[in-house]
Amino acid sequence: MLQIQRVSLWMGIALILITGLIHVVVAKHSFGEAAYLGWLFYANGAGSLIAAYGIYQKHRWGWSLGLLITKLSFICYVISRTIGLPYVPAQPHAWLYPLGVASLIAEGLFMAVFYFTRKNHSMIVSSGNCSMDAKLSENKLN
């Protein structure tokens, strides 16, 4: 079970960092469409770094922040391709933009890892002075 915890932890870190990196790379080009969009992409990158740090430190807020970033990114991608964002018309022709698809895949996989770890209670998350792993082990002994 410990191996699954490690894999989940490192997959979560890698996937949220990939999401942030893609948004930082695309941010430069987004300023041309609407300045706020470029800043949001940079904020996505910064938030992803913070979430990765939180996940690495085994804090629940790291996973929660990562989930928030990936869900909002996914939703905004769909909205930008269908009805458009403020000051940016819909871009239905851009559904298969390679970095956009890569970002959707990373975001979707992050959400899957997040829900997998919650469903199986296999994620190590610190809770005060002890970890979720220690609590689960203690319950199995009793």
Foldseek 3Di string as FASTA:
>chain_A
DLVLQVVLLVLLLVLLQLLLVLLQVCLVVCVVQPVVSSVVSNVSNVLSVVLSVQSVVQAPVSLVSSLVSLVVLLVQLVCQQPQRDVSRGHNVVCPPPPSSVVSNVSSVVSVVSSVVCVVVVSHWHDDPPDTSVVVVVVVVVD
